[in-house]
C-alpha atoms as a PDB file:
ATOM      1  CA  MET A   1     147.283  58.298 106.913  1.00  0.00           C
ATOM      2  CA  THR A   2     150.017  56.655 105.446  1.00  0.00           C
ATOM      3  CA  GLU A   3     151.084  59.302 103.193  1.00  0.00           C
ATOM      4  CA  HIS A   4     152.129  61.158 106.379  1.00  0.00           C
ATOM      5  CA  LEU A   5     153.524  58.173 108.380  1.00  0.00           C
ATOM      6  CA  ASP A   6     155.914  57.213 105.154  1.00  0.00           C
ATOM      7  CA  LEU A   7     157.302  60.842 104.655  1.00  0.00           C
ATOM      8  CA  ALA A   8     160.364  59.898 106.736  1.00  0.00           C
ATOM      9  CA  ALA A   9     160.977  56.853 104.879  1.00  0.00           C
ATOM     10  CA  ALA A  10     160.592  58.408 101.751  1.00  0.00           C
ATOM     11  CA  LEU A  11     162.860  61.034 102.381  1.00  0.00           C
ATOM     12  CA  ALA A  12     165.458  58.765 103.254  1.00  0.00           C
ATOM     13  CA  ALA A  13     165.321  57.085 100.037  1.00  0.00           C
ATOM     14  CA  LEU A  14     165.910  60.113  98.007  1.00  0.00           C
ATOM     15  CA  PRO A  15     168.427  59.670  95.257  1.00  0.00           C
ATOM     16  CA  VAL A  16     169.069  63.400  95.722  1.00  0.00           C
ATOM     17  CA  ASP A  17     171.113  64.924  98.549  1.00  0.00           C
ATOM     18  CA  LEU A  18     168.685  67.525 100.595  1.00  0.00           C
ATOM     19  CA  PRO A  19     169.880  71.030 102.194  1.00  0.00           C
ATOM     20  CA  PRO A  20     169.343  71.387 105.878  1.00  0.00           C
ATOM     21  CA  GLY A  21     165.452  71.203 106.703  1.00  0.00           C
ATOM     22  CA  ARG A  22     163.038  69.941 108.983  1.00  0.00           C
ATOM     23  CA  THR A  23     159.745  67.996 108.920  1.00  0.00           C
ATOM     24  CA  VAL A  24     156.474  69.753 110.037  1.00  0.00           C
ATOM     25  CA  ALA A  25     154.128  68.011 112.026  1.00  0.00           C
ATOM     26  CA  GLU A  26     150.549  68.680 113.479  1.00  0.00           C
ATOM     27  CA  ASP A  27     150.379  70.264 116.745  1.00  0.00           C
ATOM     28  CA  ASP A  28     150.134  66.869 118.569  1.00  0.00           C
ATOM     29  CA  GLY A  29     153.572  66.084 116.684  1.00  0.00           C
ATOM     30  CA  ARG A  30     152.642  62.767 115.866  1.00  0.00           C
ATOM     31  CA  GLU A  31     152.345  62.898 111.878  1.00  0.00           C
ATOM     32  CA  PRO A  32     154.776  64.554 109.862  1.00  0.00           C
ATOM     33  CA  LEU A  33     153.044  66.775 107.045  1.00  0.00           C
ATOM     34  CA  LEU A  34     155.809  67.908 105.036  1.00  0.00           C
ATOM     35  CA  TRP A  35     159.297  68.656 104.992  1.00  0.00           C
ATOM     36  CA  ILE A  36     160.845  71.996 104.249  1.00  0.00           C
ATOM     37  CA  SER A  37     164.392  73.484 103.826  1.00  0.00           C
ATOM     38  CA  ASP A  38     165.553  75.723 106.386  1.00  0.00           C
ATOM     39  CA  ALA A  39     167.023  78.413 103.857  1.00  0.00           C
ATOM     40  CA  PRO A  40     166.051  78.962 100.162  1.00  0.00           C
ATOM     41  CA  ALA A  41     166.115  76.007  97.828  1.00  0.00           C
ATOM     42  CA  PRO A  42     169.792  75.275  96.079  1.00  0.00           C
ATOM     43  CA  ALA A  43     169.256  76.292  92.143  1.00  0.00           C
ATOM     44  CA  GLY A  44     168.198  73.184  90.223  1.00  0.00           C
ATOM     45  CA  LEU A  45     167.225  71.007  92.939  1.00  0.00           C
ATOM     46  CA  PHE A  46     163.162  71.391  91.987  1.00  0.00           C
ATOM     47  CA  ARG A  47     164.099  70.281  88.802  1.00  0.00           C
ATOM     48  CA  GLN A  48     165.665  67.194  90.067  1.00  0.00           C
ATOM     49  CA  LEU A  49     163.039  66.424  92.558  1.00  0.00           C
ATOM     50  CA  HIS A  50     160.073  67.127  90.285  1.00  0.00           C
ATOM     51  CA  ARG A  51     161.524  64.593  87.749  1.00  0.00           C
ATOM     52  CA  ALA A  52     162.073  61.910  90.445  1.00  0.00           C
ATOM     53  CA  HIS A  53     158.709  62.503  91.579  1.00  0.00           C
ATOM     54  CA  PRO A  54     157.352  59.129  90.011  1.00  0.00           C
ATOM     55  CA  ARG A  55     159.982  56.906  91.771  1.00  0.00           C
ATOM     56  CA  THR A  56     159.964  59.036  95.331  1.00  0.00           C
ATOM     57  CA  GLY A  57     156.289  59.902  95.479  1.00  0.00           C
ATOM     58  CA  LEU A  58     157.293  63.059  96.766  1.00  0.00           C
ATOM     59  CA  TRP A  59     156.119  66.417  95.255  1.00  0.00           C
ATOM     60  CA  PRO A  60     157.972  69.305  95.361  1.00  0.00           C
ATOM     61  CA  LEU A  61     156.780  72.816  96.368  1.00  0.00           C
ATOM     62  CA  LEU A  62     158.191  76.095  96.661  1.00  0.00           C
ATOM     63  CA  LEU A  63     156.787  77.594  99.789  1.00  0.00           C
ATOM     64  CA  THR A  64     156.589  81.372 100.670  1.00  0.00           C
ATOM     65  CA  PRO A  65     155.792  82.917 103.956  1.00  0.00           C
ATOM     66  CA  LEU A  66     153.106  85.515 104.587  1.00  0.00           C
ATOM     67  CA  ASP A  67     155.941  88.254 106.218  1.00  0.00           C
ATOM     68  CA  ARG A  68     159.711  87.321 105.576  1.00  0.00           C
ATOM     69  CA  THR A  69     160.680  89.537 108.339  1.00  0.00           C
ATOM     70  CA  VAL A  70     159.155  87.394 111.090  1.00  0.00           C
ATOM     71  CA  PRO A  71     160.712  83.895 111.859  1.00  0.00           C
ATOM     72  CA  ASP A  72     157.384  81.849 111.873  1.00  0.00           C
ATOM     73  CA  TYR A  73     157.213  81.648 108.450  1.00  0.00           C
ATOM     74  CA  ARG A  74     153.435  81.277 108.321  1.00  0.00           C
ATOM     75  CA  PRO A  75     151.645  79.285 107.581  1.00  0.00           C
ATOM     76  CA  TRP A  76     154.515  76.611 107.394  1.00  0.00           C
ATOM     77  CA  LEU A  77     155.970  76.502 110.499  1.00  0.00           C
ATOM     78  CA  SER A  78     153.518  78.156 112.755  1.00  0.00           C
ATOM     79  CA  GLY A  79     151.010  75.449 113.503  1.00  0.00           C
ATOM     80  CA  GLU A  80     148.381  76.572 111.158  1.00  0.00           C
ATOM     81  CA  LEU A  81     148.474  73.478 108.858  1.00  0.00           C
ATOM     82  CA  CYS A  82     145.110  71.363 108.923  1.00  0.00           C
ATOM     83  CA  PRO A  83     145.601  68.162 106.820  1.00  0.00           C
ATOM     84  CA  THR A  84     143.042  66.139 105.297  1.00  0.00           C
ATOM     85  CA  ASP A  85     142.965  62.673 103.791  1.00  0.00           C
ATOM     86  CA  ALA A  86     144.697  62.488 100.524  1.00  0.00           C
ATOM     87  CA  ALA A  87     141.637  61.026  98.803  1.00  0.00           C
ATOM     88  CA  MET A  88     139.044  63.613  99.960  1.00  0.00           C
ATOM     89  CA  PRO A  89     139.397  65.636  96.939  1.00  0.00           C
ATOM     90  CA  ASP A  90     138.789  62.918  94.798  1.00  0.00           C
ATOM     91  CA  LEU A  91     134.956  62.594  96.160  1.00  0.00           C
ATOM     92  CA  TYR A  92     134.054  65.935  94.886  1.00  0.00           C
ATOM     93  CA  ASP A  93     132.749  66.842  91.359  1.00  0.00           C
ATOM     94  CA  PRO A  94     135.105  69.938  90.084  1.00  0.00           C
ATOM     95  CA  ALA A  95     132.182  71.126  87.703  1.00  0.00           C
ATOM     96  CA  ALA A  96     129.581  71.168  90.680  1.00  0.00           C
ATOM     97  CA  LEU A  97     132.011  73.078  92.591  1.00  0.00           C
ATOM     98  CA  LEU A  98     132.833  75.895  90.291  1.00  0.00           C
ATOM     99  CA  SER A  99     129.139  76.184  89.230  1.00  0.00           C
ATOM    100  CA  THR A 100     128.187  76.623  92.775  1.00  0.00           C
ATOM    101  CA  TRP A 101     131.336  79.303  93.715  1.00  0.00           C
ATOM    102  CA  TRP A 102     129.794  81.209  90.506  1.00  0.00           C
ATOM    103  CA  LYS A 103     126.228  81.403  91.472  1.00  0.00           C
ATOM    104  CA  GLN A 104     127.550  82.407  95.006  1.00  0.00           C
ATOM    105  CA  VAL A 105     129.411  85.348  93.628  1.00  0.00           C
ATOM    106  CA  ASP A 106     126.375  87.906  93.331  1.00  0.00           C
ATOM    107  CA  GLU A 107     125.678  87.005  97.103  1.00  0.00           C
ATOM    108  CA  ASP A 108     126.498  89.400  99.898  1.00  0.00           C
ATOM    109  CA  GLU A 109     128.028  88.197 103.291  1.00  0.00           C
ATOM    110  CA  ASP A 110     124.995  87.136 104.499  1.00  0.00           C
ATOM    111  CA  GLY A 111     124.066  84.828 101.685  1.00  0.00           C
ATOM    112  CA  ASP A 112     121.921  87.204 100.154  1.00  0.00           C
ATOM    113  CA  VAL A 113     121.535  88.178  96.795  1.00  0.00           C
ATOM    114  CA  SER A 114     123.310  91.244  95.981  1.00  0.00           C
ATOM    115  CA  GLU A 115     121.439  94.492  94.899  1.00  0.00           C
ATOM    116  CA  ASP A 116     124.112  95.597  92.618  1.00  0.00           C
ATOM    117  CA  ALA A 117     122.645  92.659  89.907  1.00  0.00           C
ATOM    118  CA  GLU A 118     123.824  95.136  87.014  1.00  0.00           C
ATOM    119  CA  ILE A 119     127.077  95.958  88.102  1.00  0.00           C
ATOM    120  CA  LEU A 120     127.577  92.376  88.379  1.00  0.00           C
ATOM    121  CA  ASP A 121     126.163  91.745  85.107  1.00  0.00           C
ATOM    122  CA  GLU A 122     128.611  94.167  83.432  1.00  0.00           C
ATOM    123  CA  ALA A 123     131.595  92.795  85.290  1.00  0.00           C
ATOM    124  CA  LEU A 124     130.939  89.092  84.220  1.00  0.00           C
ATOM    125  CA  ALA A 125     130.030  90.026  80.723  1.00  0.00           C
ATOM    126  CA  PRO A 126     129.643  88.219  78.537  1.00  0.00           C
ATOM    127  CA  TYR A 127     127.958  85.623  80.648  1.00  0.00           C
ATOM    128  CA  GLY A 128     126.647  87.574  83.545  1.00  0.00           C
ATOM    129  CA  ARG A 129     125.347  85.717  86.283  1.00  0.00           C
ATOM    130  CA  THR A 130     124.766  82.684  84.174  1.00  0.00           C
ATOM    131  CA  TRP A 131     127.411  79.935  84.541  1.00  0.00           C
ATOM    132  CA  PRO A 132     128.710  79.104  81.095  1.00  0.00           C
ATOM    133  CA  GLY A 133     130.050  75.447  82.051  1.00  0.00           C
ATOM    134  CA  LEU A 134     133.513  74.113  81.872  1.00  0.00           C
ATOM    135  CA  ALA A 135     136.243  75.429  79.269  1.00  0.00           C
ATOM    136  CA  PRO A 136     137.049  72.805  76.891  1.00  0.00           C
ATOM    137  CA  ALA A 137     140.087  70.739  77.598  1.00  0.00           C
ATOM    138  CA  ALA A 138     143.728  71.539  76.217  1.00  0.00           C
ATOM    139  CA  THR A 139     145.486  69.117  74.283  1.00  0.00           C
ATOM    140  CA  VAL A 140     148.813  68.982  76.286  1.00  0.00           C
ATOM    141  CA  PRO A 141     151.862  67.109  74.201  1.00  0.00           C
ATOM    142  CA  ASP A 142     153.387  64.252  76.626  1.00  0.00           C
ATOM    143  CA  GLY A 143     156.100  65.881  79.200  1.00  0.00           C
ATOM    144  CA  ALA A 144     154.905  69.337  78.401  1.00  0.00           C
ATOM    145  CA  ALA A 145     153.286  69.799  81.903  1.00  0.00           C
ATOM    146  CA  GLY A 146     156.228  68.802  83.794  1.00  0.00           C
ATOM    147  CA  THR A 147     158.631  70.910  81.579  1.00  0.00           C
ATOM    148  CA  GLU A 148     156.859  73.811  82.081  1.00  0.00           C
ATOM    149  CA  ALA A 149     156.512  73.524  85.815  1.00  0.00           C
ATOM    150  CA  ARG A 150     160.240  72.686  86.164  1.00  0.00           C
ATOM    151  CA  GLU A 151     160.518  75.796  84.041  1.00  0.00           C
ATOM    152  CA  LEU A 152     158.303  77.898  85.970  1.00  0.00           C
ATOM    153  CA  ALA A 153     159.958  76.727  89.397  1.00  0.00           C
ATOM    154  CA  GLU A 154     163.366  77.988  88.344  1.00  0.00           C
ATOM    155  CA  VAL A 155     161.936  81.509  87.192  1.00  0.00           C
ATOM    156  CA  LEU A 156     159.998  81.750  90.681  1.00  0.00           C
ATOM    157  CA  GLN A 157     162.885  80.611  92.856  1.00  0.00           C
ATOM    158  CA  SER A 158     165.371  83.226  91.120  1.00  0.00           C
ATOM    159  CA  LEU A 159     162.785  85.862  92.092  1.00  0.00           C
ATOM    160  CA  LYS A 160     161.357  84.975  95.402  1.00  0.00           C
ATOM    161  CA  ASP A 161     164.234  82.684  97.275  1.00  0.00           C
ATOM    162  CA  ALA A 162     161.300  80.434  98.219  1.00  0.00           C
ATOM    163  CA  ARG A 163     161.723  77.307 100.634  1.00  0.00           C
ATOM    164  CA  LEU A 164     161.583  73.938  99.162  1.00  0.00           C
ATOM    165  CA  GLY A 165     158.840  71.738 100.615  1.00  0.00           C
ATOM    166  CA  LEU A 166     158.277  68.013 100.005  1.00  0.00           C
ATOM    167  CA  VAL A 167     154.964  66.235 100.457  1.00  0.00           C
ATOM    168  CA  ARG A 168     154.048  62.435  99.898  1.00  0.00           C
ATOM    169  CA  ALA A 169     151.429  63.021  97.208  1.00  0.00           C
ATOM    170  CA  ASP A 170     150.598  62.138  93.895  1.00  0.00           C
ATOM    171  CA  SER A 171     150.282  65.855  92.330  1.00  0.00           C
ATOM    172  CA  GLY A 172     150.472  69.232  93.773  1.00  0.00           C
ATOM    173  CA  ALA A 173     146.823  69.444  93.919  1.00  0.00           C
ATOM    174  CA  HIS A 174     146.902  66.661  96.589  1.00  0.00           C
ATOM    175  CA  ALA A 175     150.050  67.629  98.157  1.00  0.00           C
ATOM    176  CA  LEU A 176     147.947  71.052  99.104  1.00  0.00           C
ATOM    177  CA  ALA A 177     145.375  68.647 100.945  1.00  0.00           C
ATOM    178  CA  VAL A 178     147.847  66.436 102.388  1.00  0.00           C
ATOM    179  CA  CYS A 179     150.145  69.147 103.954  1.00  0.00           C
ATOM    180  CA  GLY A 180     146.909  71.049 105.431  1.00  0.00           C
ATOM    181  CA  TRP A 181     147.281  74.203 103.320  1.00  0.00           C
ATOM    182  CA  SER A 182     144.289  76.662 103.992  1.00  0.00           C
ATOM    183  CA  GLY A 183     144.756  79.648 102.062  1.00  0.00           C
ATOM    184  CA  PRO A 184     141.205  80.187 100.567  1.00  0.00           C
ATOM    185  CA  THR A 185     139.611  79.503 103.886  1.00  0.00           C
ATOM    186  CA  ASN A 186     137.499  81.895 103.340  1.00  0.00           C
ATOM    187  CA  HIS A 187     136.224  80.873  99.838  1.00  0.00           C
ATOM    188  CA  ALA A 188     136.212  77.216 100.126  1.00  0.00           C
ATOM    189  CA  ASP A 189     137.920  73.991 101.985  1.00  0.00           C
ATOM    190  CA  ILE A 190     141.024  72.762 101.086  1.00  0.00           C
ATOM    191  CA  ASP A 191     139.494  69.419  99.680  1.00  0.00           C
ATOM    192  CA  GLU A 192     137.573  71.531  97.400  1.00  0.00           C
ATOM    193  CA  ILE A 193     140.121  73.655  96.102  1.00  0.00           C
ATOM    194  CA  ALA A 194     142.546  70.664  95.582  1.00  0.00           C
ATOM    195  CA  ALA A 195     139.535  68.763  93.867  1.00  0.00           C
ATOM    196  CA  VAL A 196     139.470  71.750  91.133  1.00  0.00           C
ATOM    197  CA  LEU A 197     143.243  71.948  91.085  1.00  0.00           C
ATOM    198  CA  ALA A 198     143.546  68.248  90.181  1.00  0.00           C
ATOM    199  CA  ASP A 199     140.820  68.852  87.468  1.00  0.00           C
ATOM    200  CA  TRP A 200     143.076  71.578  85.740  1.00  0.00           C
ATOM    201  CA  GLU A 201     145.906  69.265  85.750  1.00  0.00           C
ATOM    202  CA  ARG A 202     143.920  66.504  83.888  1.00  0.00           C
ATOM    203  CA  ARG A 203     142.157  69.398  81.625  1.00  0.00           C
ATOM    204  CA  PHE A 204     145.028  71.636  80.869  1.00  0.00           C
ATOM    205  CA  GLY A 205     148.219  70.189  82.149  1.00  0.00           C
ATOM    206  CA  ALA A 206     148.240  73.061  84.952  1.00  0.00           C
ATOM    207  CA  GLN A 207     150.717  72.241  88.090  1.00  0.00           C
ATOM    208  CA  VAL A 208     150.811  73.488  91.577  1.00  0.00           C
ATOM    209  CA  VAL A 209     154.479  75.180  91.808  1.00  0.00           C
ATOM    210  CA  GLU A 210     154.169  77.471  94.456  1.00  0.00           C
ATOM    211  CA  ALA A 211     152.273  78.208  97.613  1.00  0.00           C
ATOM    212  CA  GLY A 212     152.152  80.916 100.054  1.00  0.00           C
ATOM    213  CA  PHE A 213     150.237  81.933 102.954  1.00  0.00           C
ATOM    214  CA  ASP A 214     147.067  82.676 100.558  1.00  0.00           C
ATOM    215  CA  THR A 215     148.411  82.435  97.016  1.00  0.00           C
ATOM    216  CA  LEU A 216     149.238  79.985  94.439  1.00  0.00           C
ATOM    217  CA  GLU A 217     151.267  79.766  91.536  1.00  0.00           C
ATOM    218  CA  LEU A 218     150.629  77.055  88.559  1.00  0.00           C
ATOM    219  CA  SER A 219     152.243  76.311  85.468  1.00  0.00           C
ATOM    220  CA  VAL A 220     150.324  76.229  82.394  1.00  0.00           C
ATOM    221  CA  PRO A 221     152.115  74.170  79.384  1.00  0.00           C
ATOM    222  CA  VAL A 222     149.281  75.252  76.813  1.00  0.00           C
ATOM    223  CA  PRO A 223     147.725  78.682  77.530  1.00  0.00           C
ATOM    224  CA  PRO A 224     144.662  80.090  75.358  1.00  0.00           C
ATOM    225  CA  ALA A 225     145.586  81.646  72.166  1.00  0.00           C
ATOM    226  CA  THR A 226     142.585  83.816  71.678  1.00  0.00           C
ATOM    227  CA  LEU A 227     140.234  85.918  73.995  1.00  0.00           C
ATOM    228  CA  ALA A 228     137.224  83.536  72.852  1.00  0.00           C
ATOM    229  CA  GLU A 229     139.323  80.413  74.219  1.00  0.00           C
ATOM    230  CA  ALA A 230     140.218  82.519  77.253  1.00  0.00           C
ATOM    231  CA  LEU A 231     136.857  83.668  78.308  1.00  0.00           C
ATOM    232  CA  PRO A 232     135.340  80.389  79.832  1.00  0.00           C
ATOM    233  CA  LEU A 233     138.616  79.589  81.385  1.00  0.00           C
ATOM    234  CA  ALA A 234     138.241  82.929  83.100  1.00  0.00           C
ATOM    235  CA  ALA A 235     134.903  82.057  84.461  1.00  0.00           C
ATOM    236  CA  GLU A 236     136.322  79.227  85.854  1.00  0.00           C
ATOM    237  CA  HIS A 237     138.956  81.048  87.628  1.00  0.00           C
ATOM    238  CA  THR A 238     136.673  83.557  88.806  1.00  0.00           C
ATOM    239  CA  ALA A 239     134.163  81.134  90.335  1.00  0.00           C
ATOM    240  CA  PHE A 240     137.423  79.458  91.874  1.00  0.00           C
ATOM    241  CA  CYS A 241     138.979  83.066  93.135  1.00  0.00           C
ATOM    242  CA  PRO A 242     136.592  86.133  92.851  1.00  0.00           C
ATOM    243  CA  ASP A 243     139.341  88.416  93.982  1.00  0.00           C
ATOM    244  CA  LEU A 244     140.835  88.153  90.782  1.00  0.00           C
ATOM    245  CA  VAL A 245     137.959  90.144  89.006  1.00  0.00           C
ATOM    246  CA  PHE A 246     136.599  92.126  91.919  1.00  0.00           C
ATOM    247  CA  GLN A 247     139.731  93.160  93.490  1.00  0.00           C
ATOM    248  CA  GLY A 248     141.695  92.893  90.409  1.00  0.00           C
ATOM    249  CA  SER A 249     141.152  93.330  87.064  1.00  0.00           C
ATOM    250  CA  GLY A 250     137.786  94.788  87.251  1.00  0.00           C
ATOM    251  CA  SER A 251     136.117  92.685  84.521  1.00  0.00           C
ATOM    252  CA  LEU A 252     136.031  88.920  83.486  1.00  0.00           C
ATOM    253  CA  THR A 253     136.969  90.345  79.971  1.00  0.00           C
ATOM    254  CA  ALA A 254     139.908  92.131  81.142  1.00  0.00           C
ATOM    255  CA  TYR A 255     140.979  89.140  83.121  1.00  0.00           C
ATOM    256  CA  ALA A 256     140.512  86.618  80.308  1.00  0.00           C
ATOM    257  CA  GLU A 257     142.665  88.956  78.270  1.00  0.00           C
ATOM    258  CA  GLU A 258     145.523  88.348  80.835  1.00  0.00           C
ATOM    259  CA  LEU A 259     145.159  84.736  80.047  1.00  0.00           C
ATOM    260  CA  VAL A 260     145.937  84.488  76.560  1.00  0.00           C
ATOM    261  CA  GLY A 261     149.200  83.288  75.800  1.00  0.00           C
ATOM    262  CA  ALA A 262     149.985  83.131  79.779  1.00  0.00           C
ATOM    263  CA  HIS A 263     152.156  80.209  80.943  1.00  0.00           C
ATOM    264  CA  GLN A 264     151.415  81.052  84.781  1.00  0.00           C
ATOM    265  CA  TRP A 265     148.029  81.327  86.533  1.00  0.00           C
ATOM    266  CA  SER A 266     148.165  83.287  89.901  1.00  0.00           C
ATOM    267  CA  PHE A 267     145.433  83.052  92.777  1.00  0.00           C
ATOM    268  CA  TRP A 268     145.054  84.954  95.996  1.00  0.00           C
ATOM    269  CA  TRP A 269     142.615  85.349  98.362  1.00  0.00           C
ATOM    270  CA  ASP A 270     141.698  88.400 100.618  1.00  0.00           C
END
């Protein structure tokens, strides 16, 4: 996997001085997966590195742990990363994945159809258990996606004191696969998750800015302006991360209302 083997050389060629940090390798110690700072990232550094990505090939991510009170900074320093080939996400059809996950929403842990069909239909109104298809793509002005990602990073950094990560990857979606993040492991493989995230970047300009143990924060340059625009997007999010509705807002419509005008998408898996 040349993306891993080239990480040290890419770090050495950076036009920006990095704070103290370390590379993180797989358990066998042979292949570095990412670089992570030893302390919260200095203000403005994410912005510099994000702008430099087309030249460096290093994608910056803000990284947060499961528990700040313990030193292993899970999963980033605790040996829980499971890397995959950077090309794997491109082998999946994002539309097919979302459709499949939507149909699985009404299944119990054993894969049987839930007996609470009426409750599900109400929670997933106006679509019920019928997959509505993909939301229409947004028109994203040139440069808007990057600008929004850098602005969100500054906000998140000021709130969370996240560490900085660097991964040799084409995008934040592919960076998650390359470094082996497995936050939604109980829902889907990282290759599948990355495939959908990459498609959202193509269709909506949404970029992965922060990753935690089982959380993601994405920037959104052109959010839906009305509830009608937000509803099919909310369906995609619910298929991608059912907890948003079933352990969060309580209904698809309520979640769609949260997406109207929102420049940040937040995901978490139980």
